[in-house]
C-alpha atoms as a PDB file:
ATOM      1  CA  MET A   1      -0.029  -0.087   0.160  1.00  0.00           C
ATOM      2  CA  ARG A   2       2.867   2.120   1.018  1.00  0.00           C
ATOM      3  CA  ARG A   3       4.594   2.169  -2.807  1.00  0.00           C
ATOM      4  CA  LEU A   4       1.235   2.032  -4.598  1.00  0.00           C
ATOM      5  CA  ILE A   5       0.534   6.050  -2.218  1.00  0.00           C
ATOM      6  CA  THR A   6       4.756   6.318  -2.925  1.00  0.00           C
ATOM      7  CA  ILE A   7       4.499   5.892  -6.738  1.00  0.00           C
ATOM      8  CA  ALA A   8       0.726   8.164  -6.652  1.00  0.00           C
ATOM      9  CA  LEU A   9       2.838  11.790  -5.418  1.00  0.00           C
ATOM     10  CA  VAL A  10       6.165  10.427  -7.298  1.00  0.00           C
ATOM     11  CA  ALA A  11       4.647  10.004 -10.366  1.00  0.00           C
ATOM     12  CA  PRO A  12       2.585  13.150 -11.087  1.00  0.00           C
ATOM     13  CA  THR A  13       5.079  15.609  -9.032  1.00  0.00           C
ATOM     14  CA  LEU A  14       7.714  13.778 -12.055  1.00  0.00           C
ATOM     15  CA  ALA A  15       5.579  14.485 -15.517  1.00  0.00           C
ATOM     16  CA  MET A  16       4.989  18.215 -13.939  1.00  0.00           C
ATOM     17  CA  GLY A  17       8.400  19.052 -14.160  1.00  0.00           C
ATOM     18  CA  VAL A  18       9.070  17.549 -17.699  1.00  0.00           C
ATOM     19  CA  VAL A  19       5.851  19.530 -18.892  1.00  0.00           C
ATOM     20  CA  LEU A  20       7.472  22.515 -17.492  1.00  0.00           C
ATOM     21  CA  GLY A  21      10.893  22.233 -18.753  1.00  0.00           C
ATOM     22  CA  LEU A  22      10.248  21.386 -22.613  1.00  0.00           C
ATOM     23  CA  SER A  23       7.754  24.004 -22.057  1.00  0.00           C
ATOM     24  CA  ALA A  24       9.189  26.685 -20.725  1.00  0.00           C
ATOM     25  CA  SER A  25      12.059  25.351 -23.473  1.00  0.00           C
ATOM     26  CA  ALA A  26       9.895  25.131 -26.612  1.00  0.00           C
ATOM     27  CA  GLN A  27       8.786  29.479 -25.833  1.00  0.00           C
ATOM     28  CA  ALA A  28      12.220  30.294 -24.981  1.00  0.00           C
ATOM     29  CA  ALA A  29      13.573  28.940 -28.569  1.00  0.00           C
ATOM     30  CA  CYS A  30      11.599  30.524 -30.501  1.00  0.00           C
ATOM     31  CA  ALA A  31      11.539  33.832 -28.106  1.00  0.00           C
ATOM     32  CA  PRO A  32      13.196  37.733 -30.059  1.00  0.00           C
ATOM     33  CA  GLY A  33      15.542  38.993 -28.073  1.00  0.00           C
ATOM     34  CA  PRO A  34      14.002  42.992 -28.123  1.00  0.00           C
ATOM     35  CA  LEU A  35      13.315  43.957 -30.940  1.00  0.00           C
ATOM     36  CA  ARG A  36      16.392  46.543 -30.576  1.00  0.00           C
ATOM     37  CA  THR A  37      18.857  44.467 -30.702  1.00  0.00           C
ATOM     38  CA  GLU A  38      16.859  42.009 -33.148  1.00  0.00           C
ATOM     39  CA  LEU A  39      16.934  45.843 -35.867  1.00  0.00           C
ATOM     40  CA  LYS A  40      21.045  45.840 -35.399  1.00  0.00           C
ATOM     41  CA  ALA A  41      21.327  42.079 -36.634  1.00  0.00           C
ATOM     42  CA  ALA A  42      19.093  42.427 -39.207  1.00  0.00           C
ATOM     43  CA  ASP A  43      19.943  42.309 -42.980  1.00  0.00           C
ATOM     44  CA  LEU A  44      16.799  42.992 -44.268  1.00  0.00           C
ATOM     45  CA  VAL A  45      13.543  45.416 -42.306  1.00  0.00           C
ATOM     46  CA  VAL A  46      10.373  46.245 -44.340  1.00  0.00           C
ATOM     47  CA  THR A  47       7.520  46.982 -43.438  1.00  0.00           C
ATOM     48  CA  GLY A  48       4.584  46.881 -45.201  1.00  0.00           C
ATOM     49  CA  THR A  49       1.209  44.475 -46.375  1.00  0.00           C
ATOM     50  CA  VAL A  50       0.680  41.480 -47.246  1.00  0.00           C
ATOM     51  CA  THR A  51      -1.050  40.868 -50.312  1.00  0.00           C
ATOM     52  CA  LYS A  52      -0.910  36.947 -50.684  1.00  0.00           C
ATOM     53  CA  VAL A  53       0.064  33.839 -48.466  1.00  0.00           C
ATOM     54  CA  ASP A  54       0.734  30.616 -50.263  1.00  0.00           C
ATOM     55  CA  THR A  55       1.039  27.177 -47.855  1.00  0.00           C
ATOM     56  CA  LEU A  56       3.789  24.979 -50.078  1.00  0.00           C
ATOM     57  CA  PRO A  57       5.645  21.659 -48.204  1.00  0.00           C
ATOM     58  CA  GLY A  58       7.063  23.158 -44.735  1.00  0.00           C
ATOM     59  CA  ARG A  59       7.189  26.746 -44.934  1.00  0.00           C
ATOM     60  CA  GLN A  60       4.588  29.321 -46.280  1.00  0.00           C
ATOM     61  CA  VAL A  61       5.285  32.074 -48.893  1.00  0.00           C
ATOM     62  CA  TYR A  62       4.677  36.031 -48.133  1.00  0.00           C
ATOM     63  CA  THR A  63       4.111  38.557 -50.798  1.00  0.00           C
ATOM     64  CA  LEU A  64       4.483  42.010 -49.735  1.00  0.00           C
ATOM     65  CA  ALA A  65       3.910  45.419 -50.702  1.00  0.00           C
ATOM     66  CA  VAL A  66       6.704  46.898 -49.740  1.00  0.00           C
ATOM     67  CA  LYS A  67       6.118  50.642 -47.942  1.00  0.00           C
ATOM     68  CA  ARG A  68       9.278  51.236 -46.287  1.00  0.00           C
ATOM     69  CA  VAL A  69      12.882  49.392 -46.586  1.00  0.00           C
ATOM     70  CA  TYR A  70      14.945  50.642 -43.240  1.00  0.00           C
ATOM     71  CA  ALA A  71      18.056  48.050 -44.219  1.00  0.00           C
ATOM     72  CA  GLY A  72      18.860  46.039 -47.485  1.00  0.00           C
ATOM     73  CA  THR A  73      17.167  46.212 -50.210  1.00  0.00           C
ATOM     74  CA  ALA A  74      13.629  45.663 -51.883  1.00  0.00           C
ATOM     75  CA  HIS A  75      11.936  46.485 -54.520  1.00  0.00           C
ATOM     76  CA  ALA A  76       7.528  47.462 -53.792  1.00  0.00           C
ATOM     77  CA  THR A  77       6.837  43.639 -54.739  1.00  0.00           C
ATOM     78  CA  LEU A  78       8.802  41.403 -52.328  1.00  0.00           C
ATOM     79  CA  GLU A  79       8.481  37.920 -51.654  1.00  0.00           C
ATOM     80  CA  LEU A  80       9.389  36.194 -47.961  1.00  0.00           C
ATOM     81  CA  GLN A  81       9.157  33.028 -47.132  1.00  0.00           C
ATOM     82  CA  ALA A  82       8.552  31.323 -43.617  1.00  0.00           C
ATOM     83  CA  PRO A  83       7.657  28.203 -40.851  1.00  0.00           C
ATOM     84  CA  THR A  84       4.197  26.968 -41.713  1.00  0.00           C
ATOM     85  CA  ALA A  85       2.233  27.456 -38.895  1.00  0.00           C
ATOM     86  CA  ASP A  86       2.942  23.741 -37.188  1.00  0.00           C
ATOM     87  CA  ARG A  87       6.856  24.237 -37.724  1.00  0.00           C
ATOM     88  CA  PRO A  88       8.393  26.220 -34.248  1.00  0.00           C
ATOM     89  CA  CYS A  89       8.687  30.134 -34.657  1.00  0.00           C
ATOM     90  CA  ALA A  90       5.827  30.391 -36.674  1.00  0.00           C
ATOM     91  CA  LEU A  91       4.921  33.887 -38.031  1.00  0.00           C
ATOM     92  CA  PRO A  92       0.899  34.357 -37.338  1.00  0.00           C
ATOM     93  CA  VAL A  93       0.723  36.752 -41.124  1.00  0.00           C
ATOM     94  CA  LYS A  94      -2.682  36.771 -42.780  1.00  0.00           C
ATOM     95  CA  LYS A  95      -3.781  39.192 -45.873  1.00  0.00           C
ATOM     96  CA  GLY A  96      -4.450  42.581 -45.248  1.00  0.00           C
ATOM     97  CA  ASP A  97      -2.365  42.657 -42.230  1.00  0.00           C
ATOM     98  CA  ARG A  98       0.233  45.312 -41.756  1.00  0.00           C
ATOM     99  CA  TRP A  99       3.844  43.630 -40.914  1.00  0.00           C
ATOM    100  CA  LEU A 100       7.374  44.655 -39.765  1.00  0.00           C
ATOM    101  CA  PHE A 101       9.451  42.251 -40.995  1.00  0.00           C
ATOM    102  CA  LEU A 102      13.338  41.223 -40.285  1.00  0.00           C
ATOM    103  CA  SER A 103      15.587  39.160 -42.034  1.00  0.00           C
ATOM    104  CA  GLN A 104      19.018  37.695 -41.041  1.00  0.00           C
ATOM    105  CA  GLY A 105      20.633  36.265 -43.546  1.00  0.00           C
ATOM    106  CA  ALA A 106      21.564  35.371 -46.959  1.00  0.00           C
ATOM    107  CA  ALA A 107      18.782  33.108 -50.173  1.00  0.00           C
ATOM    108  CA  LYS A 108      16.780  34.352 -53.052  1.00  0.00           C
ATOM    109  CA  THR A 109      13.380  34.693 -50.972  1.00  0.00           C
ATOM    110  CA  PRO A 110      14.336  36.368 -48.125  1.00  0.00           C
ATOM    111  CA  VAL A 111      13.590  33.779 -44.747  1.00  0.00           C
ATOM    112  CA  VAL A 112      11.796  35.871 -41.584  1.00  0.00           C
ATOM    113  CA  ARG A 113      11.191  34.471 -38.516  1.00  0.00           C
ATOM    114  CA  GLY A 114       9.603  34.620 -34.928  1.00  0.00           C
ATOM    115  CA  ASP A 115      12.759  34.329 -32.797  1.00  0.00           C
ATOM    116  CA  TRP A 116      14.172  37.318 -35.220  1.00  0.00           C
ATOM    117  CA  GLY A 117      12.654  40.010 -34.436  1.00  0.00           C
ATOM    118  CA  SER A 118      10.096  40.262 -37.215  1.00  0.00           C
ATOM    119  CA  THR A 119       5.723  41.441 -35.657  1.00  0.00           C
ATOM    120  CA  GLU A 120       3.511  42.643 -36.590  1.00  0.00           C
ATOM    121  CA  LEU A 121       3.609  47.165 -37.623  1.00  0.00           C
ATOM    122  CA  THR A 122       2.141  48.916 -34.003  1.00  0.00           C
ATOM    123  CA  SER A 123       2.676  52.423 -33.468  1.00  0.00           C
ATOM    124  CA  GLU A 124       5.487  50.854 -30.672  1.00  0.00           C
ATOM    125  CA  ALA A 125       7.245  48.916 -32.589  1.00  0.00           C
ATOM    126  CA  ALA A 126       7.635  51.601 -36.016  1.00  0.00           C
ATOM    127  CA  THR A 127       8.111  54.101 -33.630  1.00  0.00           C
ATOM    128  CA  VAL A 128      11.525  51.170 -32.440  1.00  0.00           C
ATOM    129  CA  VAL A 129      11.852  50.888 -35.805  1.00  0.00           C
ATOM    130  CA  ALA A 130      12.843  54.752 -36.575  1.00  0.00           C
ATOM    131  CA  ASP A 131      14.787  55.169 -33.313  1.00  0.00           C
ATOM    132  CA  VAL A 132      16.475  52.200 -33.780  1.00  0.00           C
ATOM    133  CA  LEU A 133      17.359  52.913 -38.127  1.00  0.00           C
ATOM    134  CA  GLY A 134      16.132  56.437 -38.485  1.00  0.00           C
ATOM    135  CA  SER A 135      13.588  57.037 -41.651  1.00  0.00           C
ATOM    136  CA  GLY A 136      14.282  54.544 -43.670  1.00  0.00           C
ATOM    137  CA  HIS A 137      13.851  54.942 -47.582  1.00  0.00           C
ATOM    138  CA  ARG A 138      10.762  54.163 -50.357  1.00  0.00           C
ATOM    139  CA  PRO A 139      11.170  50.521 -51.864  1.00  0.00           C
ATOM    140  CA  ALA A 140      13.550  50.650 -55.530  1.00  0.00           C
ATOM    141  CA  SER A 141      11.046  50.942 -58.075  1.00  0.00           C
ATOM    142  CA  GLY A 142      10.485  47.958 -60.515  1.00  0.00           C
ATOM    143  CA  GLY A 143       9.061  44.726 -60.836  1.00  0.00           C
ATOM    144  CA  SER A 144       8.844  41.981 -57.779  1.00  0.00           C
ATOM    145  CA  ALA A 145      12.030  40.803 -57.280  1.00  0.00           C
ATOM    146  CA  THR A 146      14.325  39.304 -55.282  1.00  0.00           C
ATOM    147  CA  SER A 147      16.115  41.214 -52.456  1.00  0.00           C
ATOM    148  CA  GLU A 148      19.257  39.480 -51.805  1.00  0.00           C
ATOM    149  CA  VAL A 149      20.884  39.609 -47.949  1.00  0.00           C
ATOM    150  CA  ARG A 150      24.337  39.189 -47.060  1.00  0.00           C
ATOM    151  CA  LEU A 151      24.946  36.871 -44.402  1.00  0.00           C
ATOM    152  CA  THR A 152      27.283  38.114 -41.310  1.00  0.00           C
ATOM    153  CA  LYS A 153      27.740  36.230 -38.266  1.00  0.00           C
ATOM    154  CA  VAL A 154      25.243  38.143 -34.767  1.00  0.00           C
ATOM    155  CA  GLY A 155      26.640  35.606 -32.056  1.00  0.00           C
ATOM    156  CA  SER A 156      29.008  32.767 -31.488  1.00  0.00           C
ATOM    157  CA  ALA A 157      26.312  31.162 -29.126  1.00  0.00           C
ATOM    158  CA  GLU A 158      25.566  27.492 -29.798  1.00  0.00           C
ATOM    159  CA  PRO A 159      22.460  26.314 -28.794  1.00  0.00           C
ATOM    160  CA  TRP A 160      21.141  24.878 -25.949  1.00  0.00           C
ATOM    161  CA  GLY A 161      22.053  21.406 -25.413  1.00  0.00           C
ATOM    162  CA  PHE A 162      19.938  18.430 -24.054  1.00  0.00           C
ATOM    163  CA  TRP A 163      21.472  19.334 -21.079  1.00  0.00           C
ATOM    164  CA  GLN A 164      20.148  22.745 -20.509  1.00  0.00           C
ATOM    165  CA  LEU A 165      17.132  22.067 -21.547  1.00  0.00           C
ATOM    166  CA  ALA A 166      15.927  19.499 -19.368  1.00  0.00           C
ATOM    167  CA  LEU A 167      17.671  20.409 -15.838  1.00  0.00           C
ATOM    168  CA  PRO A 168      14.540  22.443 -15.015  1.00  0.00           C
ATOM    169  CA  GLY A 169      12.828  19.849 -15.075  1.00  0.00           C
ATOM    170  CA  ALA A 170      15.119  17.621 -13.555  1.00  0.00           C
ATOM    171  CA  VAL A 171      15.488  20.106 -10.765  1.00  0.00           C
ATOM    172  CA  LEU A 172      11.561  19.513  -9.966  1.00  0.00           C
ATOM    173  CA  ALA A 173      11.441  16.681 -10.318  1.00  0.00           C
ATOM    174  CA  GLY A 174      14.365  15.917  -8.039  1.00  0.00           C
ATOM    175  CA  GLY A 175      12.868  18.265  -5.509  1.00  0.00           C
ATOM    176  CA  GLY A 176       9.379  16.601  -5.860  1.00  0.00           C
ATOM    177  CA  PHE A 177      12.278  12.907  -5.265  1.00  0.00           C
ATOM    178  CA  LEU A 178      13.247  14.187  -2.133  1.00  0.00           C
ATOM    179  CA  VAL A 179      10.000  16.138  -0.822  1.00  0.00           C
ATOM    180  CA  LEU A 180       8.892  12.308  -0.970  1.00  0.00           C
ATOM    181  CA  LEU A 181      12.023  10.713   1.101  1.00  0.00           C
ATOM    182  CA  LEU A 182      11.923  13.869   4.092  1.00  0.00           C
ATOM    183  CA  ALA A 183       8.113  12.446   4.021  1.00  0.00           C
ATOM    184  CA  ARG A 184       8.284   8.509   4.534  1.00  0.00           C
ATOM    185  CA  ALA A 185      11.526   9.083   7.096  1.00  0.00           C
ATOM    186  CA  LEU A 186       9.458  11.638   9.160  1.00  0.00           C
ATOM    187  CA  GLY A 187       6.767   8.593   8.341  1.00  0.00           C
ATOM    188  CA  ARG A 188       8.621   5.823   9.663  1.00  0.00           C
ATOM    189  CA  ALA A 189       9.577   8.186  12.770  1.00  0.00           C
ATOM    190  CA  ARG A 190       7.004   7.595  14.417  1.00  0.00           C
ATOM    191  CA  HIS A 191       5.895   4.279  14.086  1.00  0.00           C
END
């Protein structure tokens, strides 16, 4: 009977530790840094209205009517690619939305992700962009040519390893186990 009670107490504690550890690490992996920092690291910074969203295998392609270019070069119409909604760091972009897109690296179709600072264009975001990058300029005249951006390494930090991701859950599980051992020892001392 005691084993059953111990298992009934330990199992939920371990499960909660694992769930909390995994959910915190997944959210932290796709959370962007401060917008000011992300703007300085980006090779392409544009604002505009999304005119089309195409869902392809493993990615989405957004067609953007570019209003302002703050970094890099872009024509009046720009195609950007991003992860689909079922993948990490996806963006909730819909046709007709006004967005601030940031891209890092070089690609024929620039890549945008949630963890790189791309966000829906709000007055607060527009103020931060103006403070960091100035007033920008109009897009280059011409058709819908793709923008080329150069690859610049902005940090040498490696992605988190397994132990860095599992540590919060392991700490919670270990703490729960110690509480159970203490309760068991105190229960034996009374008998």
